[in-house]
C-alpha cells in the first residue's frame, strides 16, 4: 500500500499532519479524530456518489441466519460461520492484566501503564471481531438477494439477573443464577451479534441485498417440515428431532430455515420495502415517510402468522 503524508485543517486544532493510507474516492464531508491507546486515527466521511442498487446480481436467492453462542452464525444452507477471537492462553493473560490493573493506585504512573496494556489487548480482540464481521458480511451479501435475521434485543438478553429477596429472612437473597447468567452474557457479547447485522446492512448497499429481521419466537423449537412446535424436539444444542414427523436436522440449520421462511412470508405482505444502505433523510418530509414505513412494517409483523411458524 502506497502511503504518504498529508495535512488537514481541523476546527479548534488547526493544521494536522497525518499518514494518507489510501485514496478516498469521493467528496469529503467531515472528518473524525479518534484515539485508541497511544495511537490517533482520522477517518473521513466521503460522498462517493454511488446510489444503492435496487436489484441483486443473483435475484431470488434468500438465506436465513441463526445467531448463537456455540456457532456465531448458521445459515439455512447449512454453512457455519464461526471464529474464536481469544484463545485460552489469551484469556488467561487478559485476566492477569485486569488483576494487575486492580492492584495499582489510582493516579499513579504504574496504573497508567497497566491500563494501557489492558486497552491494547481489548483493541486487538475488537479488530479480530470486526475483521470476522466484514468477511462474513461480504460472503453473505455477495451471494444472496435476501438475508433474514432474528430481531434479537441483545441489550435485554445480556441484562444482569435480578436479585431475589428471601421473604423469610429480610436483608438476604435467594440464589438467582447470577454467575451462570454472567457467563452467558459474556459469551453473547463476545460473539458480536449486533456488529454482524450492522456490517451486513452496510455491505448490502453495494450489492442490492435486502436485509430484514423477523420475530424470533419459536424458531428454534419448530420443525421446518411439519411446522410442529414442541420444545422436546430440541434434543440438544445441535440435534433437532421432530416428535411429530421424525424429521432430523442440525438444530441451528433448522432454526435458520424457519427464519428464512418467516422472512419470505413477511416480504409477501403488501407493504413498501426499501433496500438497506440508504441514509436516513434529514428533511421533515423524509422523516415522515420513514415513520409511515416503520408503522407499516410493524403492522405487517403483527400479521406474519402466515409464515408457517406458530406464534404465541
Protein backbone atom coordinates (compact mmCIF):
# COMPACT_ATOMS: atom_id res chain seq x y z
CA UNK A 1 0.00 0.00 0.00
CA UNK A 2 1.43 3.36 -1.07
CA UNK A 3 1.47 5.60 1.96
CA UNK A 4 2.30 9.29 2.04
CA UNK A 5 1.86 12.19 4.40
CA UNK A 6 -0.85 14.81 4.08
CA UNK A 7 -2.25 17.75 6.04
CA UNK A 8 -5.79 18.62 7.06
CA UNK A 9 -7.18 21.70 8.80
CA UNK A 10 -9.45 20.72 11.66
CA UNK A 11 -11.64 23.00 13.79
CA UNK A 12 -10.01 24.08 17.08
CA UNK A 13 -6.89 22.12 16.19
CA UNK A 14 -5.66 23.83 13.05
CA UNK A 15 -3.43 22.04 10.59
CA UNK A 16 -2.80 18.38 11.43
CA UNK A 17 -0.31 16.12 9.69
CA UNK A 18 -1.43 12.54 9.11
CA UNK A 19 -0.47 9.48 7.10
CA UNK A 20 -2.58 9.05 3.97
CA UNK A 21 -3.24 5.30 3.78
CA UNK A 22 -5.50 5.12 0.71
CA UNK A 23 -7.36 7.38 -1.75
CA UNK A 24 -10.78 8.50 -0.59
CA UNK A 25 -12.58 8.27 -3.92
CA UNK A 26 -15.19 10.96 -3.30
CA UNK A 27 -16.05 14.32 -1.79
CA UNK A 28 -15.05 14.73 1.85
CA UNK A 29 -17.96 15.76 4.06
CA UNK A 30 -16.36 15.71 7.51
CA UNK A 31 -13.54 14.16 9.49
CA UNK A 32 -13.44 12.37 12.83
CA UNK A 33 -10.36 12.14 15.03
CA UNK A 34 -10.24 9.23 17.47
CA UNK A 35 -7.71 7.89 19.91
CA UNK A 36 -7.01 4.22 20.54
CA UNK A 37 -4.42 3.68 23.22
CA UNK A 38 -1.34 5.65 22.26
CA UNK A 39 -2.38 6.00 18.62
CA UNK A 40 -4.52 8.61 16.92
CA UNK A 41 -6.67 7.97 13.86
CA UNK A 42 -8.51 10.27 11.48
CA UNK A 43 -11.45 8.97 9.45
CA UNK A 44 -13.26 10.81 6.66
CA UNK A 45 -16.93 10.69 5.74
CA UNK A 46 -16.95 10.65 1.95
CA UNK A 47 -19.79 11.04 -0.54
CA UNK A 48 -18.84 8.51 -3.19
CA UNK A 49 -21.81 9.38 -5.41
CA UNK A 50 -22.95 5.76 -5.64
CA UNK A 51 -26.66 5.02 -5.42
CA UNK A 52 -27.94 1.93 -3.57
CA UNK A 53 -28.61 -0.89 -6.00
CA UNK A 54 -32.23 -1.88 -6.43
CA UNK A 55 -31.55 -5.35 -7.81
CA UNK A 56 -29.10 -8.05 -6.82
CA UNK A 57 -26.91 -9.86 -9.33
CA UNK A 58 -28.49 -13.14 -8.18
CA UNK A 59 -32.20 -12.44 -7.66
CA UNK A 60 -34.50 -14.79 -5.75
CA UNK A 61 -31.65 -16.12 -3.60
CA UNK A 62 -32.59 -15.88 0.05
CA UNK A 63 -30.88 -17.07 3.19
CA UNK A 64 -31.74 -17.17 6.88
CA UNK A 65 -29.08 -16.64 9.55
CA UNK A 66 -29.37 -18.03 13.06
CA UNK A 67 -27.00 -16.42 15.56
CA UNK A 68 -25.87 -18.46 18.53
CA UNK A 69 -23.18 -18.93 21.14
CA UNK A 70 -21.73 -22.28 20.05
CA UNK A 71 -21.67 -21.08 16.43
CA UNK A 72 -21.76 -17.35 15.74
CA UNK A 73 -23.76 -17.67 12.53
CA UNK A 74 -25.50 -20.63 10.89
CA UNK A 75 -27.22 -20.26 7.54
CA UNK A 76 -30.24 -22.07 6.17
CA UNK A 77 -27.94 -23.64 3.57
CA UNK A 78 -26.01 -25.47 6.29
CA UNK A 79 -22.95 -23.23 6.42
CA UNK A 80 -21.35 -22.37 9.76
CA UNK A 81 -19.57 -19.06 10.30
CA UNK A 82 -17.53 -19.17 13.47
CA UNK A 83 -14.26 -17.93 14.89
CA UNK A 84 -12.58 -17.91 18.29
CA UNK A 85 -11.44 -14.35 18.92
CA UNK A 86 -9.35 -15.09 22.02
CA UNK A 87 -7.56 -18.36 22.75
CA UNK A 88 -7.41 -19.87 26.21
CA UNK A 89 -3.93 -18.53 26.88
CA UNK A 90 -5.00 -15.06 25.79
CA UNK A 91 -8.00 -15.19 28.11
CA UNK A 92 -5.70 -16.11 30.99
CA UNK A 93 -3.41 -13.26 30.03
CA UNK A 94 -6.34 -10.84 29.98
CA UNK A 95 -7.34 -11.91 33.48
CA UNK A 96 -3.77 -11.27 34.65
CA UNK A 97 -3.80 -7.81 33.07
CA UNK A 98 -7.05 -6.97 34.82
CA UNK A 99 -5.64 -8.25 38.12
CA UNK A 100 -2.52 -6.12 37.71
CA UNK A 101 -4.68 -3.07 36.99
CA UNK A 102 -6.80 -3.66 40.10
CA UNK A 103 -3.69 -3.75 42.29
CA UNK A 104 -2.39 -0.34 41.22
CA UNK A 105 -3.03 3.00 42.87
CA UNK A 106 -5.35 5.44 41.15
CA UNK A 107 -3.49 8.31 39.53
CA UNK A 108 -0.11 6.56 39.53
CA UNK A 109 2.12 6.06 36.51
CA UNK A 110 2.02 2.32 37.11
CA UNK A 111 -1.76 2.34 36.77
CA UNK A 112 -1.50 4.30 33.53
CA UNK A 113 0.83 1.69 32.04
CA UNK A 114 -1.40 -1.16 33.25
CA UNK A 115 -4.49 0.47 31.77
CA UNK A 116 -2.62 0.93 28.50
CA UNK A 117 -1.83 -2.80 28.33
CA UNK A 118 -5.46 -3.71 29.05
CA UNK A 119 -6.65 -1.34 26.32
CA UNK A 120 -4.17 -2.69 23.79
CA UNK A 121 -5.35 -6.26 24.39
CA UNK A 122 -9.03 -5.28 24.11
CA UNK A 123 -8.33 -3.39 20.88
CA UNK A 124 -6.65 -6.46 19.37
CA UNK A 125 -9.69 -8.62 20.12
CA UNK A 126 -12.02 -5.93 18.77
CA UNK A 127 -10.12 -5.77 15.48
CA UNK A 128 -10.42 -9.55 15.11
CA UNK A 129 -14.16 -9.31 15.69
CA UNK A 130 -14.51 -6.52 13.12
CA UNK A 131 -12.48 -8.48 10.58
CA UNK A 132 -14.69 -11.56 11.03
CA UNK A 133 -17.86 -9.48 10.69
CA UNK A 134 -16.60 -7.85 7.48
CA UNK A 135 -15.63 -11.15 5.85
CA UNK A 136 -18.90 -12.82 6.85
CA UNK A 137 -20.97 -9.89 5.61
CA UNK A 138 -19.12 -9.90 2.28
CA UNK A 139 -19.79 -13.61 1.75
CA UNK A 140 -23.49 -13.29 2.63
CA UNK A 141 -24.30 -10.18 0.61
CA UNK A 142 -22.32 -11.29 -2.44
CA UNK A 143 -24.35 -14.46 -2.98
CA UNK A 144 -27.83 -13.64 -1.67
CA UNK A 145 -30.59 -11.24 -2.62
CA UNK A 146 -32.39 -11.61 0.73
CA UNK A 147 -30.84 -12.03 4.19
CA UNK A 148 -33.09 -12.61 7.19
CA UNK A 149 -32.00 -12.22 10.82
CA UNK A 150 -33.86 -12.65 14.06
CA UNK A 151 -34.87 -9.40 15.75
CA UNK A 152 -32.71 -10.04 18.80
CA UNK A 153 -32.59 -7.45 21.57
CA UNK A 154 -29.02 -8.05 22.68
CA UNK A 155 -29.14 -5.37 25.34
CA UNK A 156 -32.08 -7.03 27.08
CA UNK A 157 -30.63 -10.51 26.64
CA UNK A 158 -27.40 -9.51 28.39
CA UNK A 159 -29.03 -7.75 31.33
CA UNK A 160 -27.90 -8.63 34.85
CA UNK A 161 -30.02 -11.19 36.70
CA UNK A 162 -32.37 -9.51 39.16
CA UNK A 163 -31.84 -10.29 42.86
CA UNK A 164 -34.40 -12.46 44.65
CA UNK A 165 -35.05 -11.32 48.23
CA UNK A 166 -35.62 -14.06 50.76
CA UNK A 167 -39.10 -13.48 52.25
CA UNK A 168 -38.23 -15.47 55.37
CA UNK A 169 -35.03 -13.56 56.14
CA UNK A 170 -35.14 -9.84 55.43
CA UNK A 171 -31.88 -8.47 54.07
CA UNK A 172 -30.80 -11.76 52.47
CA UNK A 173 -31.30 -13.07 48.97
CA UNK A 174 -32.04 -16.39 47.32
CA UNK A 175 -29.83 -17.92 44.59
CA UNK A 176 -30.74 -16.34 41.25
CA UNK A 177 -28.20 -17.92 38.90
CA UNK A 178 -26.26 -14.68 38.54
CA UNK A 179 -22.94 -16.45 37.96
CA UNK A 180 -24.31 -18.58 35.11
CA UNK A 181 -26.12 -15.57 33.64
CA UNK A 182 -22.91 -13.55 33.78
CA UNK A 183 -21.06 -16.23 31.83
CA UNK A 184 -23.81 -16.34 29.21
CA UNK A 185 -23.74 -12.55 28.91
CA UNK A 186 -20.00 -12.56 28.28
CA UNK A 187 -20.38 -15.28 25.64
CA UNK A 188 -23.12 -13.35 23.81
CA UNK A 189 -21.21 -10.09 23.84
CA UNK A 190 -18.03 -11.81 22.69
CA UNK A 191 -19.72 -13.13 19.52
CA UNK A 192 -20.67 -9.65 18.30
CA UNK A 193 -24.18 -10.45 17.09
CA UNK A 194 -25.19 -6.84 16.58
CA UNK A 195 -21.96 -5.94 14.80
CA UNK A 196 -22.53 -8.69 12.23
CA UNK A 197 -26.01 -7.39 11.45
CA UNK A 198 -24.77 -3.80 11.13
CA UNK A 199 -21.93 -4.85 8.84
CA UNK A 200 -24.28 -6.86 6.63
CA UNK A 201 -26.58 -3.86 6.29
CA UNK A 202 -23.62 -1.68 5.35
CA UNK A 203 -22.34 -4.14 2.72
CA UNK A 204 -25.86 -4.61 1.31
CA UNK A 205 -25.79 -1.07 -0.05
CA UNK A 206 -23.30 -2.11 -2.73
CA UNK A 207 -24.91 -5.41 -3.73
CA UNK A 208 -28.63 -4.62 -3.66
CA UNK A 209 -29.30 -7.15 -0.92
CA UNK A 210 -32.44 -6.75 1.17
CA UNK A 211 -31.88 -7.31 4.90
CA UNK A 212 -34.84 -7.77 7.23
CA UNK A 213 -35.49 -9.09 10.74
CA UNK A 214 -38.32 -11.32 11.96
CA UNK A 215 -39.85 -12.31 15.26
CA UNK A 216 -37.56 -14.92 16.88
CA UNK A 217 -40.35 -16.66 18.80
CA UNK A 218 -40.38 -20.46 18.41
CA UNK A 219 -37.84 -20.55 15.58
CA UNK A 220 -35.61 -22.97 17.49
CA UNK A 221 -38.34 -25.42 18.55
CA UNK A 222 -40.41 -25.50 15.34
CA UNK A 223 -39.97 -28.28 12.82
CA UNK A 224 -39.27 -26.86 9.38
CA UNK A 225 -41.04 -29.76 7.66
CA UNK A 226 -44.22 -30.27 9.71
CA UNK A 227 -44.38 -26.81 11.40
CA UNK A 228 -44.93 -28.61 14.70
CA UNK A 229 -43.94 -26.59 17.77
CA UNK A 230 -42.54 -28.77 20.53
CA UNK A 231 -39.72 -27.98 22.92
CA UNK A 232 -38.99 -31.71 23.23
CA UNK A 233 -37.93 -31.77 19.57
CA UNK A 234 -34.80 -29.87 20.55
CA UNK A 235 -32.86 -32.87 21.83
CA UNK A 236 -29.65 -30.94 22.44
CA UNK A 237 -27.86 -27.82 21.38
CA UNK A 238 -27.06 -29.32 17.98
CA UNK A 239 -29.67 -32.05 17.40
CA UNK A 240 -33.25 -31.41 16.34
CA UNK A 241 -35.57 -34.42 16.01
CA UNK A 242 -39.23 -33.65 15.41
CA UNK A 243 -41.58 -35.57 17.71
CA UNK A 244 -44.31 -35.49 15.05
CA UNK A 245 -42.76 -36.33 11.68
CA UNK A 246 -39.38 -37.68 12.88
CA UNK A 247 -37.56 -35.13 10.76
CA UNK A 248 -33.94 -34.75 11.91
CA UNK A 249 -31.61 -31.86 11.23
CA UNK A 250 -28.96 -29.76 12.86
CA UNK A 251 -30.74 -27.56 15.39
CA UNK A 252 -29.13 -24.36 14.13
CA UNK A 253 -29.81 -25.17 10.48
CA UNK A 254 -33.45 -25.98 11.24
CA UNK A 255 -33.82 -22.63 13.04
CA UNK A 256 -32.19 -20.79 10.14
CA UNK A 257 -34.65 -22.38 7.71
CA UNK A 258 -37.55 -21.21 9.88
CA UNK A 259 -36.10 -17.71 9.94
CA UNK A 260 -35.90 -17.65 6.14
CA UNK A 261 -39.48 -18.91 5.84
CA UNK A 262 -40.70 -16.14 8.15
CA UNK A 263 -38.72 -13.54 6.23
CA UNK A 264 -40.14 -14.53 2.87
CA UNK A 265 -43.66 -14.51 4.28
CA UNK A 266 -43.11 -11.03 5.66
CA UNK A 267 -41.86 -9.76 2.30
CA UNK A 268 -45.01 -11.15 0.71
CA UNK A 269 -47.09 -8.73 2.78
CA UNK A 270 -48.48 -5.73 0.92
CA UNK A 271 -46.15 -3.06 2.26
CA UNK A 272 -43.34 -0.90 0.87
CA UNK A 273 -39.90 -2.44 1.18
CA UNK A 274 -36.83 -0.21 0.99
CA UNK A 275 -33.40 -1.52 0.20
CA UNK A 276 -30.99 -1.11 3.05
CA UNK A 277 -27.91 1.06 2.97
CA UNK A 278 -29.59 4.35 2.13
CA UNK A 279 -29.07 7.19 4.57
CA UNK A 280 -31.93 8.40 6.70
CA UNK A 281 -33.40 11.59 5.22
CA UNK A 282 -32.91 14.73 7.26
CA UNK A 283 -35.90 16.64 5.94
CA UNK A 284 -39.25 16.61 7.71
CA UNK A 285 -40.91 15.01 4.70
CA UNK A 286 -38.33 12.25 4.62
CA UNK A 287 -38.68 11.57 8.32
CA UNK A 288 -42.46 11.39 7.94
CA UNK A 289 -42.10 8.82 5.16
CA UNK A 290 -39.76 6.81 7.37
CA UNK A 291 -42.27 6.85 10.22
CA UNK A 292 -45.04 5.73 7.89
CA UNK A 293 -42.89 2.88 6.53
CA UNK A 294 -41.96 1.84 10.05
CA UNK A 295 -45.59 1.80 11.12
CA UNK A 296 -46.47 -0.22 8.04
CA UNK A 297 -43.69 -2.68 8.79
CA UNK A 298 -44.88 -3.07 12.37
CA UNK A 299 -48.39 -3.77 11.15
CA UNK A 300 -47.04 -6.37 8.74
CA UNK A 301 -45.10 -8.07 11.52
CA UNK A 302 -48.24 -8.44 13.58
CA UNK A 303 -49.85 -10.21 10.65
CA UNK A 304 -46.93 -12.53 9.91
CA UNK A 305 -48.70 -15.67 11.15
CA UNK A 306 -48.79 -16.89 7.54
CA UNK A 307 -45.06 -17.52 7.80
CA UNK A 308 -45.70 -21.10 8.77
CA UNK A 309 -44.18 -20.65 12.24
CA UNK A 310 -46.77 -20.62 15.01
CA UNK A 311 -46.52 -17.55 17.19
CA UNK A 312 -47.53 -17.37 20.85
